[in-house]
PDB file of N, CA and C in Angstrom:
ATOM      1  N   MET A   1      69.952 170.461 343.072  1.00  0.00           N
ATOM      2  CA  MET A   1      70.955 169.426 343.117  1.00  0.00           C
ATOM      3  C   MET A   1      71.688 169.310 341.778  1.00  0.00           C
ATOM      4  N   ASP A   2      70.977 169.558 340.674  1.00  0.00           N
ATOM      5  CA  ASP A   2      71.608 169.497 339.360  1.00  0.00           C
ATOM      6  C   ASP A   2      72.706 170.546 339.224  1.00  0.00           C
ATOM      7  N   ASP A   3      72.495 171.729 339.831  1.00  0.00           N
ATOM      8  CA  ASP A   3      73.499 172.789 339.767  1.00  0.00           C
ATOM      9  C   ASP A   3      74.794 172.349 340.445  1.00  0.00           C
ATOM     10  N   LEU A   4      74.686 171.655 341.577  1.00  0.00           N
ATOM     11  CA  LEU A   4      75.878 171.192 342.287  1.00  0.00           C
ATOM     12  C   LEU A   4      76.597 170.106 341.495  1.00  0.00           C
ATOM     13  N   ALA A   5      75.840 169.228 340.880  1.00  0.00           N
ATOM     14  CA  ALA A   5      76.457 168.178 340.058  1.00  0.00           C
ATOM     15  C   ALA A   5      77.187 168.794 338.870  1.00  0.00           C
ATOM     16  N   GLU A   6      76.591 169.807 338.270  1.00  0.00           N
ATOM     17  CA  GLU A   6      77.235 170.496 337.141  1.00  0.00           C
ATOM     18  C   GLU A   6      78.484 171.244 337.610  1.00  0.00           C
ATOM     19  N   LEU A   7      78.404 171.865 338.765  1.00  0.00           N
ATOM     20  CA  LEU A   7      79.577 172.548 339.316  1.00  0.00           C
ATOM     21  C   LEU A   7      80.711 171.554 339.563  1.00  0.00           C
ATOM     22  N   LEU A   8      80.381 170.402 340.109  1.00  0.00           N
ATOM     23  CA  LEU A   8      81.394 169.380 340.369  1.00  0.00           C
ATOM     24  C   LEU A   8      82.036 168.917 339.058  1.00  0.00           C
ATOM     25  N   ARG A   9      81.245 168.666 338.038  1.00  0.00           N
ATOM     26  CA  ARG A   9      81.785 168.258 336.736  1.00  0.00           C
ATOM     27  C   ARG A   9      82.704 169.340 336.156  1.00  0.00           C
ATOM     28  N   THR A  10      82.270 170.580 336.263  1.00  0.00           N
ATOM     29  CA  THR A  10      83.063 171.692 335.731  1.00  0.00           C
ATOM     30  C   THR A  10      84.387 171.824 336.480  1.00  0.00           C
ATOM     31  N   LEU A  11      84.335 171.742 337.803  1.00  0.00           N
ATOM     32  CA  LEU A  11      85.560 171.835 338.593  1.00  0.00           C
ATOM     33  C   LEU A  11      86.521 170.693 338.283  1.00  0.00           C
ATOM     34  N   CYS A  12      85.985 169.486 338.162  1.00  0.00           N
ATOM     35  CA  CYS A  12      86.835 168.332 337.836  1.00  0.00           C
ATOM     36  C   CYS A  12      87.493 168.515 336.470  1.00  0.00           C
ATOM     37  N   ALA A  13      86.737 169.016 335.517  1.00  0.00           N
ATOM     38  CA  ALA A  13      87.301 169.244 334.182  1.00  0.00           C
ATOM     39  C   ALA A  13      88.375 170.324 334.232  1.00  0.00           C
ATOM     40  N   LEU A  14      88.092 171.404 334.923  1.00  0.00           N
ATOM     41  CA  LEU A  14      89.054 172.500 335.040  1.00  0.00           C
ATOM     42  C   LEU A  14      90.314 172.063 335.774  1.00  0.00           C
ATOM     43  N   PHE A  15      90.156 171.457 336.927  1.00  0.00           N
ATOM     44  CA  PHE A  15      91.312 171.007 337.698  1.00  0.00           C
ATOM     45  C   PHE A  15      92.087 169.941 336.935  1.00  0.00           C
ATOM     46  N   GLY A  16      91.384 169.082 336.236  1.00  0.00           N
ATOM     47  CA  GLY A  16      92.035 168.018 335.477  1.00  0.00           C
ATOM     48  C   GLY A  16      92.917 168.550 334.364  1.00  0.00           C
ATOM     49  N   ARG A  17      92.507 169.650 333.744  1.00  0.00           N
ATOM     50  CA  ARG A  17      93.317 170.261 332.683  1.00  0.00           C
ATOM     51  C   ARG A  17      94.543 170.965 333.238  1.00  0.00           C
ATOM     52  N   LYS A  18      94.447 171.467 334.442  1.00  0.00           N
ATOM     53  CA  LYS A  18      95.518 172.266 335.027  1.00  0.00           C
ATOM     54  C   LYS A  18      96.529 171.442 335.818  1.00  0.00           C
ATOM     55  N   VAL A  19      96.183 170.220 336.167  1.00  0.00           N
ATOM     56  CA  VAL A  19      97.076 169.392 336.977  1.00  0.00           C
ATOM     57  C   VAL A  19      98.289 168.988 336.157  1.00  0.00           C
ATOM     58  N   LYS A  20      99.459 169.347 336.648  1.00  0.00           N
ATOM     59  CA  LYS A  20     100.694 169.011 335.945  1.00  0.00           C
ATOM     60  C   LYS A  20     101.406 167.828 336.584  1.00  0.00           C
ATOM     61  N   ASP A  21     101.267 167.694 337.882  1.00  0.00           N
ATOM     62  CA  ASP A  21     101.926 166.594 338.576  1.00  0.00           C
ATOM     63  C   ASP A  21     101.160 166.249 339.843  1.00  0.00           C
ATOM     64  N   ALA A  22     101.602 165.198 340.494  1.00  0.00           N
ATOM     65  CA  ALA A  22     100.918 164.733 341.694  1.00  0.00           C
ATOM     66  C   ALA A  22     101.061 165.713 342.854  1.00  0.00           C
ATOM     67  N   GLY A  23     101.986 166.655 342.768  1.00  0.00           N
ATOM     68  CA  GLY A  23     102.204 167.605 343.846  1.00  0.00           C
ATOM     69  C   GLY A  23     101.353 168.860 343.750  1.00  0.00           C
ATOM     70  N   SER A  24     100.418 168.899 342.825  1.00  0.00           N
ATOM     71  CA  SER A  24      99.587 170.090 342.658  1.00  0.00           C
ATOM     72  C   SER A  24      98.721 170.329 343.890  1.00  0.00           C
ATOM     73  N   VAL A  25      98.538 171.604 344.193  1.00  0.00           N
ATOM     74  CA  VAL A  25      97.788 172.005 345.380  1.00  0.00           C
ATOM     75  C   VAL A  25      96.709 172.996 344.970  1.00  0.00           C
ATOM     76  N   ILE A  26      95.545 172.867 345.581  1.00  0.00           N
ATOM     77  CA  ILE A  26      94.470 173.830 345.406  1.00  0.00           C
ATOM     78  C   ILE A  26      94.447 174.706 346.654  1.00  0.00           C
ATOM     79  N   ALA A  27      94.605 176.009 346.482  1.00  0.00           N
ATOM     80  CA  ALA A  27      94.485 176.958 347.591  1.00  0.00           C
ATOM     81  C   ALA A  27      93.027 177.385 347.660  1.00  0.00           C
ATOM     82  N   LEU A  28      92.436 177.238 348.828  1.00  0.00           N
ATOM     83  CA  LEU A  28      91.015 177.523 348.990  1.00  0.00           C
ATOM     84  C   LEU A  28      90.818 178.512 350.125  1.00  0.00           C
ATOM     85  N   LEU A  29      90.240 179.656 349.826  1.00  0.00           N
ATOM     86  CA  LEU A  29      89.932 180.632 350.854  1.00  0.00           C
ATOM     87  C   LEU A  29      88.732 180.119 351.641  1.00  0.00           C
ATOM     88  N   LYS A  30      88.949 179.875 352.914  1.00  0.00           N
ATOM     89  CA  LYS A  30      87.910 179.290 353.764  1.00  0.00           C
ATOM     90  C   LYS A  30      86.718 180.218 353.903  1.00  0.00           C
ATOM     91  N   CYS A  31      85.568 179.596 354.014  1.00  0.00           N
ATOM     92  CA  CYS A  31      84.357 180.351 354.320  1.00  0.00           C
ATOM     93  C   CYS A  31      84.437 180.826 355.764  1.00  0.00           C
ATOM     94  N   SER A  32      83.865 181.971 356.001  1.00  0.00           N
ATOM     95  CA  SER A  32      83.812 182.484 357.359  1.00  0.00           C
ATOM     96  C   SER A  32      82.756 181.731 358.139  1.00  0.00           C
ATOM     97  N   SER A  33      82.977 181.620 359.413  1.00  0.00           N
ATOM     98  CA  SER A  33      81.979 180.971 360.269  1.00  0.00           C
ATOM     99  C   SER A  33      81.572 181.960 361.352  1.00  0.00           C
ATOM    100  N   GLY A  34      80.674 181.542 362.180  1.00  0.00           N
ATOM    101  CA  GLY A  34      80.245 182.399 363.273  1.00  0.00           C
ATOM    102  C   GLY A  34      79.050 183.247 362.903  1.00  0.00           C
ATOM    103  N   ARG A  35      78.824 184.248 363.709  1.00  0.00           N
ATOM    104  CA  ARG A  35      77.639 185.080 363.588  1.00  0.00           C
ATOM    105  C   ARG A  35      77.526 185.769 362.230  1.00  0.00           C
ATOM    106  N   PHE A  36      78.646 186.200 361.678  1.00  0.00           N
ATOM    107  CA  PHE A  36      78.626 186.897 360.398  1.00  0.00           C
ATOM    108  C   PHE A  36      79.249 186.027 359.313  1.00  0.00           C
ATOM    109  N   GLY A  37      78.981 184.744 359.380  1.00  0.00           N
ATOM    110  CA  GLY A  37      79.595 183.781 358.479  1.00  0.00           C
ATOM    111  C   GLY A  37      79.096 183.870 357.051  1.00  0.00           C
ATOM    112  N   SER A  38      79.675 183.017 356.242  1.00  0.00           N
ATOM    113  CA  SER A  38      79.364 182.984 354.819  1.00  0.00           C
ATOM    114  C   SER A  38      77.966 182.421 354.581  1.00  0.00           C
ATOM    115  N   CYS A  39      77.456 182.715 353.415  1.00  0.00           N
ATOM    116  CA  CYS A  39      76.143 182.218 353.037  1.00  0.00           C
ATOM    117  C   CYS A  39      76.239 180.727 352.692  1.00  0.00           C
ATOM    118  N   LEU A  40      75.132 180.082 352.664  1.00  0.00           N
ATOM    119  CA  LEU A  40      75.065 178.657 352.369  1.00  0.00           C
ATOM    120  C   LEU A  40      75.656 178.343 350.999  1.00  0.00           C
ATOM    121  N   GLU A  41      75.442 179.199 350.009  1.00  0.00           N
ATOM    122  CA  GLU A  41      75.964 178.969 348.665  1.00  0.00           C
ATOM    123  C   GLU A  41      77.496 178.961 348.654  1.00  0.00           C
ATOM    124  N   ALA A  42      78.108 179.838 349.453  1.00  0.00           N
ATOM    125  CA  ALA A  42      79.572 179.862 349.537  1.00  0.00           C
ATOM    126  C   ALA A  42      80.089 178.574 350.161  1.00  0.00           C
ATOM    127  N   MET A  43      79.406 178.099 351.178  1.00  0.00           N
ATOM    128  CA  MET A  43      79.826 176.852 351.829  1.00  0.00           C
ATOM    129  C   MET A  43      79.667 175.663 350.884  1.00  0.00           C
ATOM    130  N   LYS A  44      78.605 175.662 350.090  1.00  0.00           N
ATOM    131  CA  LYS A  44      78.428 174.596 349.099  1.00  0.00           C
ATOM    132  C   LYS A  44      79.551 174.632 348.067  1.00  0.00           C
ATOM    133  N   GLY A  45      79.910 175.827 347.622  1.00  0.00           N
ATOM    134  CA  GLY A  45      80.991 175.980 346.659  1.00  0.00           C
ATOM    135  C   GLY A  45      82.308 175.466 347.216  1.00  0.00           C
ATOM    136  N   GLU A  46      82.588 175.785 348.468  1.00  0.00           N
ATOM    137  CA  GLU A  46      83.808 175.308 349.118  1.00  0.00           C
ATOM    138  C   GLU A  46      83.815 173.778 349.169  1.00  0.00           C
ATOM    139  N   ALA A  47      82.694 173.204 349.521  1.00  0.00           N
ATOM    140  CA  ALA A  47      82.604 171.741 349.590  1.00  0.00           C
ATOM    141  C   ALA A  47      82.803 171.105 348.214  1.00  0.00           C
ATOM    142  N   MET A  48      82.276 171.722 347.182  1.00  0.00           N
ATOM    143  CA  MET A  48      82.437 171.179 345.830  1.00  0.00           C
ATOM    144  C   MET A  48      83.899 171.232 345.380  1.00  0.00           C
ATOM    145  N   VAL A  49      84.598 172.307 345.732  1.00  0.00           N
ATOM    146  CA  VAL A  49      86.026 172.394 345.400  1.00  0.00           C
ATOM    147  C   VAL A  49      86.782 171.277 346.104  1.00  0.00           C
ATOM    148  N   GLU A  50      86.472 171.049 347.370  1.00  0.00           N
ATOM    149  CA  GLU A  50      87.145 169.984 348.114  1.00  0.00           C
ATOM    150  C   GLU A  50      86.838 168.607 347.517  1.00  0.00           C
ATOM    151  N   LEU A  51      85.602 168.387 347.127  1.00  0.00           N
ATOM    152  CA  LEU A  51      85.217 167.107 346.545  1.00  0.00           C
ATOM    153  C   LEU A  51      85.909 166.879 345.202  1.00  0.00           C
ATOM    154  N   ALA A  52      85.922 167.893 344.349  1.00  0.00           N
ATOM    155  CA  ALA A  52      86.581 167.769 343.045  1.00  0.00           C
ATOM    156  C   ALA A  52      88.069 167.487 343.226  1.00  0.00           C
ATOM    157  N   ALA A  53      88.700 168.199 344.138  1.00  0.00           N
ATOM    158  CA  ALA A  53      90.132 167.988 344.395  1.00  0.00           C
ATOM    159  C   ALA A  53      90.378 166.567 344.903  1.00  0.00           C
ATOM    160  N   ALA A  54      89.530 166.090 345.784  1.00  0.00           N
ATOM    161  CA  ALA A  54      89.689 164.734 346.315  1.00  0.00           C
ATOM    162  C   ALA A  54      89.546 163.695 345.205  1.00  0.00           C
ATOM    163  N   GLN A  55      88.608 163.897 344.313  1.00  0.00           N
ATOM    164  CA  GLN A  55      88.413 162.954 343.213  1.00  0.00           C
ATOM    165  C   GLN A  55      89.615 162.897 342.285  1.00  0.00           C
ATOM    166  N   LEU A  56      90.352 164.002 342.198  1.00  0.00           N
ATOM    167  CA  LEU A  56      91.524 164.055 341.322  1.00  0.00           C
ATOM    168  C   LEU A  56      92.833 163.821 342.078  1.00  0.00           C
ATOM    169  N   GLY A  57      92.728 163.576 343.365  1.00  0.00           N
ATOM    170  CA  GLY A  57      93.922 163.319 344.156  1.00  0.00           C
ATOM    171  C   GLY A  57      94.766 164.554 344.421  1.00  0.00           C
ATOM    172  N   LEU A  58      94.133 165.711 344.435  1.00  0.00           N
ATOM    173  CA  LEU A  58      94.840 166.968 344.690  1.00  0.00           C
ATOM    174  C   LEU A  58      94.752 167.337 346.164  1.00  0.00           C
ATOM    175  N   ARG A  59      95.796 167.955 346.651  1.00  0.00           N
ATOM    176  CA  ARG A  59      95.807 168.421 348.039  1.00  0.00           C
ATOM    177  C   ARG A  59      95.144 169.791 348.098  1.00  0.00           C
ATOM    178  N   VAL A  60      94.326 170.001 349.114  1.00  0.00           N
ATOM    179  CA  VAL A  60      93.658 171.282 349.326  1.00  0.00           C
ATOM    180  C   VAL A  60      94.257 171.931 350.571  1.00  0.00           C
ATOM    181  N   VAL A  61      94.665 173.172 350.446  1.00  0.00           N
ATOM    182  CA  VAL A  61      95.136 173.949 351.585  1.00  0.00           C
ATOM    183  C   VAL A  61      94.131 175.070 351.801  1.00  0.00           C
ATOM    184  N   LYS A  62      93.471 175.038 352.959  1.00  0.00           N
ATOM    185  CA  LYS A  62      92.500 176.079 353.277  1.00  0.00           C
ATOM    186  C   LYS A  62      93.222 177.252 353.911  1.00  0.00           C
ATOM    187  N   VAL A  63      92.915 178.431 353.408  1.00  0.00           N
ATOM    188  CA  VAL A  63      93.520 179.655 353.897  1.00  0.00           C
ATOM    189  C   VAL A  63      92.451 180.467 354.618  1.00  0.00           C
ATOM    190  N   ALA A  64      92.726 180.819 355.859  1.00  0.00           N
ATOM    191  CA  ALA A  64      91.786 181.634 356.630  1.00  0.00           C
ATOM    192  C   ALA A  64      91.918 183.098 356.199  1.00  0.00           C
ATOM    193  N   PRO A  65      90.810 183.765 355.961  1.00  0.00           N
ATOM    194  CA  PRO A  65      90.886 185.174 355.576  1.00  0.00           C
ATOM    195  C   PRO A  65      91.651 186.012 356.598  1.00  0.00           C
ATOM    196  N   GLN A  66      91.570 185.627 357.865  1.00  0.00           N
ATOM    197  CA  GLN A  66      92.240 186.372 358.924  1.00  0.00           C
ATOM    198  C   GLN A  66      93.761 186.357 358.773  1.00  0.00           C
ATOM    199  N   SER A  67      94.294 185.376 358.046  1.00  0.00           N
ATOM    200  CA  SER A  67      95.746 185.270 357.899  1.00  0.00           C
ATOM    201  C   SER A  67      96.287 186.107 356.736  1.00  0.00           C
ATOM    202  N   LEU A  68      95.405 186.679 355.944  1.00  0.00           N
ATOM    203  CA  LEU A  68      95.859 187.350 354.722  1.00  0.00           C
ATOM    204  C   LEU A  68      96.459 188.730 354.957  1.00  0.00           C
ATOM    205  N   LYS A  69      96.044 189.432 356.002  1.00  0.00           N
ATOM    206  CA  LYS A  69      96.641 190.747 356.277  1.00  0.00           C
ATOM    207  C   LYS A  69      98.147 190.615 356.466  1.00  0.00           C
ATOM    208  N   LYS A  70      98.549 189.623 357.239  1.00  0.00           N
ATOM    209  CA  LYS A  70      99.974 189.417 357.488  1.00  0.00           C
ATOM    210  C   LYS A  70     100.674 188.897 356.232  1.00  0.00           C
ATOM    211  N   ALA A  71     100.057 187.944 355.550  1.00  0.00           N
ATOM    212  CA  ALA A  71     100.674 187.352 354.361  1.00  0.00           C
ATOM    213  C   ALA A  71     100.907 188.390 353.266  1.00  0.00           C
ATOM    214  N   LEU A  72     100.018 189.365 353.159  1.00  0.00           N
ATOM    215  CA  LEU A  72     100.120 190.393 352.122  1.00  0.00           C
ATOM    216  C   LEU A  72     100.826 191.651 352.610  1.00  0.00           C
ATOM    217  N   ASN A  73     101.301 191.629 353.848  1.00  0.00           N
ATOM    218  CA  ASN A  73     101.999 192.782 354.438  1.00  0.00           C
ATOM    219  C   ASN A  73     101.157 194.051 354.381  1.00  0.00           C
ATOM    220  N   CYS A  74      99.937 193.946 354.843  1.00  0.00           N
ATOM    221  CA  CYS A  74      99.038 195.098 354.838  1.00  0.00           C
ATOM    222  C   CYS A  74      99.456 196.119 355.890  1.00  0.00           C
ATOM    223  N   ALA A  75      99.185 197.369 355.600  1.00  0.00           N
ATOM    224  CA  ALA A  75      99.329 198.417 356.606  1.00  0.00           C
ATOM    225  C   ALA A  75      98.266 198.176 357.676  1.00  0.00           C
ATOM    226  N   ASN A  76      98.462 198.750 358.839  1.00  0.00           N
ATOM    227  CA  ASN A  76      97.536 198.511 359.955  1.00  0.00           C
ATOM    228  C   ASN A  76      96.084 198.794 359.597  1.00  0.00           C
ATOM    229  N   ASP A  77      95.847 199.853 358.873  1.00  0.00           N
ATOM    230  CA  ASP A  77      94.478 200.242 358.547  1.00  0.00           C
ATOM    231  C   ASP A  77      94.018 199.761 357.164  1.00  0.00           C
ATOM    232  N   GLN A  78      94.824 198.923 356.517  1.00  0.00           N
ATOM    233  CA  GLN A  78      94.514 198.470 355.159  1.00  0.00           C
ATOM    234  C   GLN A  78      93.804 197.114 355.190  1.00  0.00           C
ATOM    235  N   LYS A  79      92.781 196.977 354.373  1.00  0.00           N
ATOM    236  CA  LYS A  79      92.080 195.698 354.255  1.00  0.00           C
ATOM    237  C   LYS A  79      92.829 194.806 353.273  1.00  0.00           C
ATOM    238  N   TRP A  80      92.820 193.511 353.529  1.00  0.00           N
ATOM    239  CA  TRP A  80      93.577 192.595 352.667  1.00  0.00           C
ATOM    240  C   TRP A  80      93.063 192.601 351.236  1.00  0.00           C
ATOM    241  N   ARG A  81      91.765 192.787 351.032  1.00  0.00           N
ATOM    242  CA  ARG A  81      91.221 192.817 349.666  1.00  0.00           C
ATOM    243  C   ARG A  81      91.796 193.996 348.881  1.00  0.00           C
ATOM    244  N   ASP A  82      91.918 195.134 349.562  1.00  0.00           N
ATOM    245  CA  ASP A  82      92.490 196.317 348.906  1.00  0.00           C
ATOM    246  C   ASP A  82      93.961 196.087 348.581  1.00  0.00           C
ATOM    247  N   ARG A  83      94.690 195.494 349.506  1.00  0.00           N
ATOM    248  CA  ARG A  83      96.112 195.212 349.275  1.00  0.00           C
ATOM    249  C   ARG A  83      96.286 194.233 348.121  1.00  0.00           C
ATOM    250  N   ALA A  84      95.420 193.216 348.035  1.00  0.00           N
ATOM    251  CA  ALA A  84      95.496 192.265 346.924  1.00  0.00           C
ATOM    252  C   ALA A  84      95.290 192.975 345.597  1.00  0.00           C
ATOM    253  N   GLY A  85      94.383 193.922 345.553  1.00  0.00           N
ATOM    254  CA  GLY A  85      94.169 194.686 344.328  1.00  0.00           C
ATOM    255  C   GLY A  85      95.388 195.491 343.932  1.00  0.00           C
ATOM    256  N   VAL A  86      96.031 196.109 344.912  1.00  0.00           N
ATOM    257  CA  VAL A  86      97.244 196.893 344.655  1.00  0.00           C
ATOM    258  C   VAL A  86      98.362 195.985 344.141  1.00  0.00           C
ATOM    259  N   MET A  87      98.475 194.800 344.720  1.00  0.00           N
ATOM    260  CA  MET A  87      99.556 193.888 344.354  1.00  0.00           C
ATOM    261  C   MET A  87      99.322 193.191 343.017  1.00  0.00           C
ATOM    262  N   PHE A  88      98.101 192.723 342.796  1.00  0.00           N
ATOM    263  CA  PHE A  88      97.849 191.812 341.682  1.00  0.00           C
ATOM    264  C   PHE A  88      97.025 192.408 340.542  1.00  0.00           C
ATOM    265  N   ASN A  89      96.454 193.571 340.734  1.00  0.00           N
ATOM    266  CA  ASN A  89      95.726 194.255 339.671  1.00  0.00           C
ATOM    267  C   ASN A  89      95.944 195.763 339.817  1.00  0.00           C
ATOM    268  N   PRO A  90      97.216 196.181 339.849  1.00  0.00           N
ATOM    269  CA  PRO A  90      97.516 197.579 340.176  1.00  0.00           C
ATOM    270  C   PRO A  90      96.986 198.592 339.167  1.00  0.00           C
ATOM    271  N   ASP A  91      96.931 198.226 337.924  1.00  0.00           N
ATOM    272  CA  ASP A  91      96.472 199.176 336.915  1.00  0.00           C
ATOM    273  C   ASP A  91      95.012 198.970 336.530  1.00  0.00           C
ATOM    274  N   GLY A  92      94.352 198.025 337.178  1.00  0.00           N
ATOM    275  CA  GLY A  92      92.932 197.789 336.912  1.00  0.00           C
ATOM    276  C   GLY A  92      92.641 197.179 335.556  1.00  0.00           C
ATOM    277  N   LYS A  93      93.627 196.576 334.927  1.00  0.00           N
ATOM    278  CA  LYS A  93      93.440 196.033 333.579  1.00  0.00           C
ATOM    279  C   LYS A  93      92.744 194.679 333.559  1.00  0.00           C
ATOM    280  N   ARG A  94      92.621 194.041 334.702  1.00  0.00           N
ATOM    281  CA  ARG A  94      91.880 192.776 334.755  1.00  0.00           C
ATOM    282  C   ARG A  94      90.406 193.130 334.931  1.00  0.00           C
ATOM    283  N   PRO A  95      89.641 193.058 333.850  1.00  0.00           N
ATOM    284  CA  PRO A  95      88.275 193.597 333.864  1.00  0.00           C
ATOM    285  C   PRO A  95      87.319 192.886 334.811  1.00  0.00           C
ATOM    286  N   ASN A  96      87.570 191.628 335.123  1.00  0.00           N
ATOM    287  CA  ASN A  96      86.644 190.898 335.979  1.00  0.00           C
ATOM    288  C   ASN A  96      87.141 190.806 337.416  1.00  0.00           C
ATOM    289  N   TRP A  97      88.053 191.694 337.806  1.00  0.00           N
ATOM    290  CA  TRP A  97      88.595 191.691 339.164  1.00  0.00           C
ATOM    291  C   TRP A  97      87.458 191.981 340.140  1.00  0.00           C
ATOM    292  N   SER A  98      87.406 191.210 341.199  1.00  0.00           N
ATOM    293  CA  SER A  98      86.346 191.349 342.188  1.00  0.00           C
ATOM    294  C   SER A  98      86.896 190.965 343.553  1.00  0.00           C
ATOM    295  N   LYS A  99      86.062 191.055 344.575  1.00  0.00           N
ATOM    296  CA  LYS A  99      86.479 190.595 345.902  1.00  0.00           C
ATOM    297  C   LYS A  99      86.786 189.107 345.864  1.00  0.00           C
ATOM    298  N   GLY A 100      86.025 188.357 345.065  1.00  0.00           N
ATOM    299  CA  GLY A 100      86.282 186.924 344.921  1.00  0.00           C
ATOM    300  C   GLY A 100      87.626 186.656 344.268  1.00  0.00           C
ATOM    301  N   ALA A 101      87.963 187.440 343.246  1.00  0.00           N
ATOM    302  CA  ALA A 101      89.259 187.288 342.592  1.00  0.00           C
ATOM    303  C   ALA A 101      90.373 187.672 343.552  1.00  0.00           C
ATOM    304  N   ALA A 102      90.160 188.739 344.331  1.00  0.00           N
ATOM    305  CA  ALA A 102      91.162 189.150 345.315  1.00  0.00           C
ATOM    306  C   ALA A 102      91.404 188.021 346.306  1.00  0.00           C
ATOM    307  N   GLY A 103      90.344 187.373 346.762  1.00  0.00           N
ATOM    308  CA  GLY A 103      90.485 186.272 347.708  1.00  0.00           C
ATOM    309  C   GLY A 103      91.204 185.077 347.121  1.00  0.00           C
ATOM    310  N   ALA A 104      90.860 184.724 345.894  1.00  0.00           N
ATOM    311  CA  ALA A 104      91.490 183.561 345.250  1.00  0.00           C
ATOM    312  C   ALA A 104      92.969 183.798 345.034  1.00  0.00           C
ATOM    313  N   VAL A 105      93.327 184.957 344.520  1.00  0.00           N
ATOM    314  CA  VAL A 105      94.724 185.259 344.255  1.00  0.00           C
ATOM    315  C   VAL A 105      95.508 185.396 345.552  1.00  0.00           C
ATOM    316  N   ALA A 106      94.924 186.024 346.556  1.00  0.00           N
ATOM    317  CA  ALA A 106      95.604 186.176 347.828  1.00  0.00           C
ATOM    318  C   ALA A 106      95.835 184.827 348.501  1.00  0.00           C
ATOM    319  N   ALA A 107      94.851 183.929 348.424  1.00  0.00           N
ATOM    320  CA  ALA A 107      95.009 182.596 349.011  1.00  0.00           C
ATOM    321  C   ALA A 107      96.121 181.826 348.287  1.00  0.00           C
ATOM    322  N   ALA A 108      96.137 181.910 346.971  1.00  0.00           N
ATOM    323  CA  ALA A 108      97.188 181.236 346.207  1.00  0.00           C
ATOM    324  C   ALA A 108      98.558 181.811 346.541  1.00  0.00           C
ATOM    325  N   PHE A 109      98.642 183.124 346.703  1.00  0.00           N
ATOM    326  CA  PHE A 109      99.895 183.790 347.059  1.00  0.00           C
ATOM    327  C   PHE A 109     100.383 183.296 348.410  1.00  0.00           C
ATOM    328  N   LYS A 110      99.481 183.198 349.369  1.00  0.00           N
ATOM    329  CA  LYS A 110      99.860 182.736 350.715  1.00  0.00           C
ATOM    330  C   LYS A 110     100.371 181.305 350.669  1.00  0.00           C
ATOM    331  N   VAL A 111      99.671 180.426 349.947  1.00  0.00           N
ATOM    332  CA  VAL A 111     100.085 179.024 349.861  1.00  0.00           C
ATOM    333  C   VAL A 111     101.426 178.902 349.134  1.00  0.00           C
ATOM    334  N   ALA A 112     101.606 179.673 348.079  1.00  0.00           N
ATOM    335  CA  ALA A 112     102.866 179.619 347.333  1.00  0.00           C
ATOM    336  C   ALA A 112     104.049 180.083 348.167  1.00  0.00           C
ATOM    337  N   GLY A 113     103.781 181.016 349.094  1.00  0.00           N
ATOM    338  CA  GLY A 113     104.852 181.547 349.918  1.00  0.00           C
ATOM    339  C   GLY A 113     105.230 180.682 351.104  1.00  0.00           C
ATOM    340  N   GLU A 114     104.453 179.644 351.354  1.00  0.00           N
ATOM    341  CA  GLU A 114     104.733 178.789 352.519  1.00  0.00           C
ATOM    342  C   GLU A 114     105.664 177.666 352.179  1.00  0.00           C
TER     343      GLU A 114
END
């Protein structure tokens, strides 16, 4: 429970520093559900982001992973994570680029484009 409280404090501090106006939005890549859904830790993380945003009065827009292929204009056989890497880290210079980073950036891109 202490880890979740610390995560909430960290998120509130981070979001609080980045908030420029009342219209700020947090783009959140939704956890998968169903038979092959996300792990419990991912769902807890999603809930903490929503709670921190609510405490700061920020709007949260949840982005379904299924919507990212179209938003990123993927080829039929291309995965959205791969397309996000091509678009947002084409030369591989972002050393901490990961599937999580691909998801965060892709979700923000989708929300910004709407």
